[in-house]
Amino acid sequence: MSKEYNSIISVKNLHKDFRIARRGRGLKGAIRYLFSRKYTIKRAVNDISFEIAPGDMVGYIGRNGAGKSTTIKMMTGILVPTSGEIVVDGIVPYKKRTLNGGKIGVVFGQRTQLRWDIPVIESYRLLKEIYNIPIKVYKENIEYFSYLLKLNNLLSIPARKLSLGQRMQCDLVASFLHNPMIVYLDEPTIGMDIIGKENIRDFIKSINKERGTTVILTTHDLTDIEDICKRAIIIDSGKKIYDGGFEKLDEQFGGYRILKFELKDTALSIEKFNSLPDGMEIISLENNYFKTRINKNIISAPEGIRFIIDKVNCLDVSIEDTSIATTIKAIYRNGLKT
């Protein structure tokens, strides 16, 4: 573990550039591409720094192409940084891949650790040998994890016959099987129904609480992030734009509120609300309920309410705080404005 920081993961001034070959148009371009290639440099990660303490559960968030997966691959040792420093539990991941690999667990989207044509339990037995898991630990983990995720009926089935949601659950067990210190999870609830997602979230929180496993979670399901994690790191275009708790995120950037009106007239059309003031936007008009989003930095809730009730007859009105997911989506859409 890093002595300078009380952290299990230390990332300093991290950069990652990719050389991308440029190909000209047509036959001439193809011939030139074969003999004389020109390259452009794409910076996928741009001067990112952060510290993660043992036992933290951190949401690593960003749009597609923001640099999330590239960062994770450098932390796992798959990619080598162009510049900057990564230290994971006292070692540099890409310099000591085998040692680092024994300390971490990974679920990478739809890339499975399970062997396609053999029963799931046989894949687990292979992982037991790969990681040199003591037989007692292996049996206890299989029993406990299967109980938590209700997997007993799936263990004898080949991975190719599992649904995506079932396979993701089995892959999650594979990533925790050797009691790793750190687990990187990329879209761990993809393909799951509501109950399956709840089981996964409860599983991750239970293992973190009982064993102090550090969890780095990347997902587009922001409900997963909000339920599992206490801290978010948000990146965009390769740069870190936020690092902190959700309360601070909402306080600093959650400038939106939802106003819901119950209308007396059930026959109103959406065109009735086209001329809303600055800072108000239409969400929906269904039956006799009208919803609008207001930016509290531009217009206050009382001003928004007064505008609508002066325009139409209302039976009731309520104010809703937006979710963390809505706040983060607004940051993606409008950029980060302090």
Protein backbone atom coordinates (compact mmCIF):
# COMPACT_ATOMS: atom_id res chain seq x y z
CA MET A 1 0.00 0.00 0.00
CA SER A 2 1.21 3.50 -0.77
CA LYS A 3 2.89 5.05 2.28
CA GLU A 4 2.47 8.61 1.06
CA TYR A 5 -1.31 8.28 0.98
CA ASN A 6 -3.65 6.09 2.98
CA SER A 7 -4.86 4.65 -0.31
CA ILE A 8 -4.97 1.34 -2.08
CA ILE A 9 -5.11 2.98 -5.52
CA SER A 10 -3.11 6.10 -6.37
CA VAL A 11 -3.42 7.71 -9.81
CA LYS A 12 -1.32 10.80 -10.60
CA ASN A 13 -1.35 12.93 -13.76
CA LEU A 14 -2.39 9.98 -15.90
CA HIS A 15 -2.31 10.32 -19.70
CA LYS A 16 -3.02 7.81 -22.43
CA ASP A 17 -2.54 8.57 -26.12
CA PHE A 18 -3.40 6.31 -29.05
CA ARG A 19 -1.80 6.55 -32.50
CA ILE A 20 -4.49 6.21 -35.15
CA ALA A 21 -3.48 5.58 -38.76
CA ARG A 22 -5.08 7.88 -41.33
CA ARG A 23 -6.18 6.35 -44.61
CA GLY A 24 -6.83 8.41 -47.72
CA ARG A 25 -9.80 7.96 -50.00
CA GLY A 26 -9.99 5.62 -52.96
CA LEU A 27 -7.40 3.34 -54.50
CA LYS A 28 -4.55 5.85 -54.26
CA GLY A 29 -5.29 6.38 -50.60
CA ALA A 30 -5.26 2.62 -50.00
CA ILE A 31 -1.89 2.22 -51.75
CA ARG A 32 -0.34 5.11 -49.81
CA TYR A 33 -1.72 3.56 -46.61
CA LEU A 34 0.22 0.36 -47.34
CA PHE A 35 3.59 2.06 -47.90
CA SER A 36 3.51 5.40 -46.11
CA ARG A 37 1.14 5.78 -43.21
CA LYS A 38 0.31 9.01 -41.47
CA TYR A 39 -0.92 9.05 -37.91
CA THR A 40 -3.00 11.25 -35.67
CA ILE A 41 -2.78 11.20 -31.89
CA LYS A 42 -5.96 10.75 -29.87
CA ARG A 43 -5.70 11.53 -26.17
CA ALA A 44 -8.13 9.19 -24.41
CA VAL A 45 -7.12 10.09 -20.83
CA ASN A 46 -5.92 13.59 -20.03
CA ASP A 47 -4.12 14.35 -16.75
CA ILE A 48 -6.39 12.39 -14.38
CA SER A 49 -5.48 12.10 -10.69
CA PHE A 50 -7.32 10.53 -7.76
CA GLU A 51 -6.83 8.42 -4.62
CA ILE A 52 -9.03 5.53 -3.50
CA ALA A 53 -8.89 4.25 0.08
CA PRO A 54 -9.21 0.56 1.05
CA GLY A 55 -12.85 -0.49 1.23
CA ASP A 56 -14.17 2.44 -0.82
CA MET A 57 -16.94 1.87 -3.34
CA VAL A 58 -16.49 4.43 -6.11
CA GLY A 59 -18.59 5.07 -9.19
CA TYR A 60 -16.42 5.91 -12.21
CA ILE A 61 -18.83 7.68 -14.53
CA GLY A 62 -18.75 9.13 -18.02
CA ARG A 63 -20.36 9.05 -21.40
CA ASN A 64 -19.34 6.57 -24.09
CA GLY A 65 -15.82 7.48 -25.21
CA ALA A 66 -15.08 9.54 -22.09
CA GLY A 67 -12.06 7.42 -21.16
CA LYS A 68 -13.54 5.17 -18.44
CA SER A 69 -12.54 1.81 -19.90
CA THR A 70 -9.09 3.08 -20.86
CA THR A 71 -8.46 4.20 -17.27
CA ILE A 72 -9.68 0.87 -15.87
CA LYS A 73 -7.48 -1.07 -18.30
CA MET A 74 -4.44 0.91 -17.12
CA MET A 75 -5.32 0.24 -13.47
CA THR A 76 -5.65 -3.48 -14.19
CA GLY A 77 -2.32 -3.53 -16.05
CA ILE A 78 -3.77 -4.31 -19.49
CA LEU A 79 -2.64 -0.96 -20.93
CA VAL A 80 0.55 1.02 -20.28
CA PRO A 81 0.10 4.77 -19.59
CA THR A 82 1.67 7.25 -21.98
CA SER A 83 2.69 9.25 -18.90
CA GLY A 84 1.75 9.60 -15.28
CA GLU A 85 1.73 7.12 -12.43
CA ILE A 86 -0.53 4.33 -11.18
CA VAL A 87 0.17 2.45 -7.96
CA VAL A 88 -2.20 -0.33 -6.85
CA ASP A 89 -1.49 -1.71 -3.38
CA GLY A 90 2.15 -0.70 -3.66
CA ILE A 91 2.86 -2.03 -7.16
CA VAL A 92 2.73 -0.62 -10.69
CA PRO A 93 0.12 -2.79 -12.45
CA TYR A 94 1.65 -3.00 -15.93
CA LYS A 95 5.11 -3.78 -14.53
CA LYS A 96 3.91 -6.67 -12.36
CA ARG A 97 0.83 -7.96 -14.14
CA THR A 98 0.79 -11.40 -12.53
CA LEU A 99 1.14 -10.06 -9.00
CA ASN A 100 -1.46 -7.39 -9.67
CA GLY A 101 -3.80 -9.92 -11.28
CA GLY A 102 -3.86 -12.01 -8.11
CA LYS A 103 -5.06 -9.03 -6.08
CA ILE A 104 -7.89 -7.90 -8.33
CA GLY A 105 -11.13 -9.17 -9.80
CA VAL A 106 -12.61 -7.84 -13.03
CA VAL A 107 -15.93 -7.96 -14.86
CA PHE A 108 -15.50 -6.33 -18.27
CA GLY A 109 -18.91 -5.80 -19.82
CA GLN A 110 -19.80 -8.76 -21.99
CA ARG A 111 -16.36 -10.41 -21.94
CA THR A 112 -16.82 -13.50 -19.88
CA GLN A 113 -14.31 -15.42 -17.74
CA LEU A 114 -16.45 -18.54 -18.07
CA ARG A 115 -15.57 -21.30 -20.53
CA TRP A 116 -18.30 -21.37 -23.14
CA ASP A 117 -19.01 -25.09 -23.49
CA ILE A 118 -18.56 -26.46 -19.98
CA PRO A 119 -20.74 -26.14 -16.87
CA VAL A 120 -20.24 -23.00 -14.82
CA ILE A 121 -18.94 -24.97 -11.83
CA GLU A 122 -16.13 -26.38 -14.02
CA SER A 123 -15.08 -22.84 -14.94
CA TYR A 124 -14.95 -22.06 -11.23
CA ARG A 125 -12.75 -25.11 -10.64
CA LEU A 126 -10.36 -23.87 -13.32
CA LEU A 127 -10.22 -20.46 -11.64
CA LYS A 128 -9.49 -22.22 -8.34
CA GLU A 129 -6.36 -23.71 -9.90
CA ILE A 130 -5.34 -20.51 -11.69
CA TYR A 131 -5.53 -18.44 -8.49
CA ASN A 132 -4.36 -21.24 -6.17
CA ILE A 133 -7.43 -20.79 -3.99
CA PRO A 134 -7.31 -23.02 -0.88
CA ILE A 135 -9.99 -25.70 -1.08
CA LYS A 136 -11.66 -24.51 2.15
CA VAL A 137 -11.90 -20.92 0.87
CA TYR A 138 -13.13 -22.11 -2.52
CA LYS A 139 -15.93 -24.26 -1.09
CA GLU A 140 -17.02 -21.57 1.37
CA ASN A 141 -17.13 -18.92 -1.35
CA ILE A 142 -19.03 -21.11 -3.82
CA GLU A 143 -21.60 -21.96 -1.16
CA TYR A 144 -21.95 -18.41 0.15
CA PHE A 145 -22.00 -16.63 -3.21
CA SER A 146 -24.44 -19.14 -4.68
CA TYR A 147 -26.72 -18.55 -1.70
CA LEU A 148 -26.56 -14.76 -2.01
CA LEU A 149 -27.23 -14.77 -5.76
CA LYS A 150 -29.43 -17.90 -5.86
CA LEU A 151 -27.19 -19.60 -8.43
CA ASN A 152 -27.41 -23.26 -7.39
CA ASN A 153 -29.58 -24.17 -10.38
CA LEU A 154 -27.15 -22.53 -12.80
CA LEU A 155 -23.88 -24.17 -11.76
CA SER A 156 -24.39 -27.30 -13.87
CA ILE A 157 -25.36 -25.36 -17.03
CA PRO A 158 -22.79 -24.45 -19.75
CA ALA A 159 -22.23 -20.69 -20.05
CA ARG A 160 -23.49 -20.64 -23.65
CA LYS A 161 -26.95 -21.72 -22.46
CA LEU A 162 -27.29 -18.95 -19.88
CA SER A 163 -29.17 -15.73 -20.49
CA LEU A 164 -27.09 -12.54 -20.43
CA GLY A 165 -28.35 -11.69 -16.95
CA GLN A 166 -27.60 -15.17 -15.61
CA ARG A 167 -24.13 -15.15 -17.13
CA MET A 168 -23.36 -11.73 -15.61
CA GLN A 169 -24.27 -13.10 -12.17
CA CYS A 170 -21.97 -16.09 -12.70
CA ASP A 171 -19.18 -13.80 -13.95
CA LEU A 172 -19.59 -11.68 -10.84
CA VAL A 173 -18.98 -14.75 -8.66
CA ALA A 174 -15.89 -15.56 -10.75
CA SER A 175 -14.47 -12.07 -10.11
CA PHE A 176 -14.88 -12.41 -6.31
CA LEU A 177 -13.97 -16.10 -6.03
CA HIS A 178 -10.31 -15.65 -4.98
CA ASN A 179 -11.11 -12.94 -2.37
CA PRO A 180 -9.51 -10.06 -4.30
CA MET A 181 -8.64 -6.81 -2.54
CA ILE A 182 -10.04 -4.74 -5.42
CA VAL A 183 -12.80 -5.50 -7.91
CA TYR A 184 -13.41 -3.53 -11.12
CA LEU A 185 -16.98 -3.90 -12.35
CA ASP A 186 -18.03 -2.73 -15.81
CA GLU A 187 -21.83 -2.85 -16.31
CA PRO A 188 -22.39 -5.70 -13.79
CA THR A 189 -26.21 -5.52 -14.03
CA ILE A 190 -26.51 -5.48 -17.82
CA GLY A 191 -29.31 -7.67 -19.15
CA MET A 192 -30.98 -8.12 -15.75
CA ASP A 193 -34.51 -7.52 -14.57
CA ILE A 194 -35.33 -5.46 -11.48
CA ILE A 195 -34.99 -8.40 -9.06
CA GLY A 196 -31.70 -9.49 -10.60
CA LYS A 197 -30.27 -5.98 -10.31
CA GLU A 198 -31.34 -5.77 -6.69
CA ASN A 199 -29.64 -9.11 -5.95
CA ILE A 200 -26.40 -7.93 -7.58
CA ARG A 201 -26.40 -4.66 -5.64
CA ASP A 202 -27.06 -6.46 -2.35
CA PHE A 203 -24.29 -8.96 -3.14
CA ILE A 204 -21.70 -6.24 -3.83
CA LYS A 205 -22.65 -4.27 -0.72
CA SER A 206 -22.56 -7.42 1.45
CA ILE A 207 -19.08 -8.45 0.28
CA ASN A 208 -17.79 -4.92 0.71
CA LYS A 209 -19.17 -4.68 4.23
CA GLU A 210 -18.01 -8.12 5.35
CA ARG A 211 -14.61 -8.29 3.65
CA GLY A 212 -13.68 -4.66 3.00
CA THR A 213 -13.31 -5.25 -0.74
CA THR A 214 -12.61 -2.07 -2.69
CA VAL A 215 -15.05 -1.69 -5.59
CA ILE A 216 -14.67 0.48 -8.71
CA LEU A 217 -17.96 0.50 -10.61
CA THR A 218 -18.54 1.80 -14.13
CA THR A 219 -22.05 1.64 -15.53
CA HIS A 220 -24.60 3.63 -17.49
CA ASP A 221 -27.27 2.55 -14.99
CA LEU A 222 -26.87 5.48 -12.60
CA THR A 223 -29.30 3.87 -10.15
CA ASP A 224 -26.60 1.22 -9.56
CA ILE A 225 -24.05 3.95 -8.84
CA GLU A 226 -26.37 5.80 -6.45
CA ASP A 227 -27.36 2.63 -4.58
CA ILE A 228 -23.90 1.05 -4.27
CA CYS A 229 -21.41 3.90 -4.15
CA LYS A 230 -20.81 6.80 -1.77
CA ARG A 231 -18.46 8.66 -4.10
CA ALA A 232 -18.45 9.48 -7.79
CA ILE A 233 -15.61 10.34 -10.13
CA ILE A 234 -16.99 11.85 -13.34
CA ILE A 235 -14.86 12.16 -16.45
CA ASP A 236 -15.60 13.71 -19.82
CA SER A 237 -13.40 13.83 -22.94
CA GLY A 238 -10.62 12.18 -20.95
CA LYS A 239 -10.61 14.77 -18.14
CA LYS A 240 -11.81 14.47 -14.57
CA ILE A 241 -14.61 16.98 -14.01
CA TYR A 242 -15.87 15.92 -10.57
CA ASP A 243 -14.68 13.85 -7.62
CA GLY A 244 -16.72 13.70 -4.43
CA GLY A 245 -19.86 12.55 -2.65
CA PHE A 246 -23.37 12.61 -4.03
CA GLU A 247 -24.61 15.17 -1.53
CA LYS A 248 -21.99 17.65 -2.68
CA LEU A 249 -22.76 16.82 -6.31
CA ASP A 250 -26.44 17.57 -5.84
CA GLU A 251 -25.75 20.67 -3.75
CA GLN A 252 -23.26 22.09 -6.24
CA PHE A 253 -24.67 21.01 -9.57
CA GLY A 254 -28.19 19.72 -8.97
CA GLY A 255 -29.83 22.96 -10.02
CA TYR A 256 -33.00 21.29 -11.23
CA ARG A 257 -36.41 20.68 -9.71
CA ILE A 258 -39.49 18.97 -11.11
CA LEU A 259 -42.85 20.73 -10.85
CA LYS A 260 -45.91 18.48 -11.23
CA PHE A 261 -49.32 20.04 -11.82
CA GLU A 262 -52.72 18.35 -11.68
CA LEU A 263 -54.81 20.21 -14.24
CA LYS A 264 -58.53 20.84 -14.05
CA ASP A 265 -58.91 20.69 -17.82
CA THR A 266 -58.12 17.17 -19.10
CA ALA A 267 -58.28 18.23 -22.77
CA LEU A 268 -55.32 20.62 -22.86
CA SER A 269 -52.71 20.06 -25.58
CA ILE A 270 -48.98 20.37 -25.17
CA GLU A 271 -49.00 23.48 -27.40
CA LYS A 272 -50.63 25.36 -24.52
CA PHE A 273 -47.26 25.29 -22.72
CA ASN A 274 -44.94 26.14 -25.61
CA SER A 275 -44.17 29.66 -24.38
CA LEU A 276 -42.50 28.77 -21.09
CA PRO A 277 -40.06 31.28 -19.57
CA ASP A 278 -36.30 30.78 -19.60
CA GLY A 279 -35.22 28.05 -17.20
CA MET A 280 -38.39 25.95 -17.63
CA GLU A 281 -38.77 23.01 -19.99
CA ILE A 282 -41.56 20.56 -20.66
CA ILE A 283 -41.17 16.98 -19.47
CA SER A 284 -44.59 15.51 -20.17
CA LEU A 285 -48.35 16.05 -20.42
CA GLU A 286 -50.30 12.88 -19.71
CA ASN A 287 -54.02 12.88 -19.00
CA ASN A 288 -54.41 15.84 -16.66
CA TYR A 289 -50.86 15.83 -15.24
CA PHE A 290 -48.27 18.27 -16.55
CA LYS A 291 -44.58 18.02 -15.59
CA THR A 292 -41.92 20.66 -16.12
CA ARG A 293 -38.24 20.87 -15.16
CA ILE A 294 -36.92 24.16 -13.81
CA ASN A 295 -33.34 25.37 -13.49
CA LYS A 296 -33.33 26.99 -10.05
CA ASN A 297 -30.34 29.13 -11.04
CA ILE A 298 -32.55 30.86 -13.63
CA ILE A 299 -36.07 30.68 -12.22
CA SER A 300 -37.33 29.85 -8.72
CA ALA A 301 -39.95 27.19 -7.98
CA PRO A 302 -42.52 29.80 -6.78
CA GLU A 303 -42.01 31.79 -10.00
CA GLY A 304 -42.48 28.67 -12.09
CA ILE A 305 -45.59 27.63 -10.19
CA ARG A 306 -47.06 31.14 -10.46
CA PHE A 307 -46.49 31.20 -14.22
CA ILE A 308 -48.37 27.91 -14.76
CA ILE A 309 -51.31 28.60 -12.44
CA ASP A 310 -51.78 32.00 -14.09
CA LYS A 311 -51.90 30.21 -17.44
CA VAL A 312 -54.21 27.26 -16.63
CA ASN A 313 -56.53 26.05 -13.86
CA CYS A 314 -54.75 23.67 -11.50
CA LEU A 315 -56.14 21.36 -8.82
CA ASP A 316 -52.80 20.60 -7.16
CA VAL A 317 -49.05 21.14 -7.51
CA SER A 318 -46.02 19.35 -6.06
CA ILE A 319 -42.26 19.92 -6.14
CA GLU A 320 -39.83 17.02 -6.56
CA ASP A 321 -36.06 17.05 -6.13
CA THR A 322 -34.33 15.46 -9.08
CA SER A 323 -32.40 12.23 -8.66
CA ILE A 324 -28.63 11.94 -8.82
CA ALA A 325 -29.13 10.28 -12.21
CA THR A 326 -30.95 13.37 -13.49
CA THR A 327 -28.19 15.65 -12.18
CA ILE A 328 -25.47 13.61 -13.87
CA LYS A 329 -27.41 13.47 -17.14
CA ALA A 330 -27.72 17.27 -17.00
CA ILE A 331 -23.94 17.51 -16.55
CA TYR A 332 -23.44 15.29 -19.61
CA ARG A 333 -25.89 17.38 -21.60
CA ASN A 334 -24.89 20.89 -20.56
CA GLY A 335 -21.34 20.50 -19.25
CA LEU A 336 -20.11 21.17 -15.74
CA LYS A 337 -20.88 24.68 -14.57
CA THR A 338 -19.71 25.74 -11.15
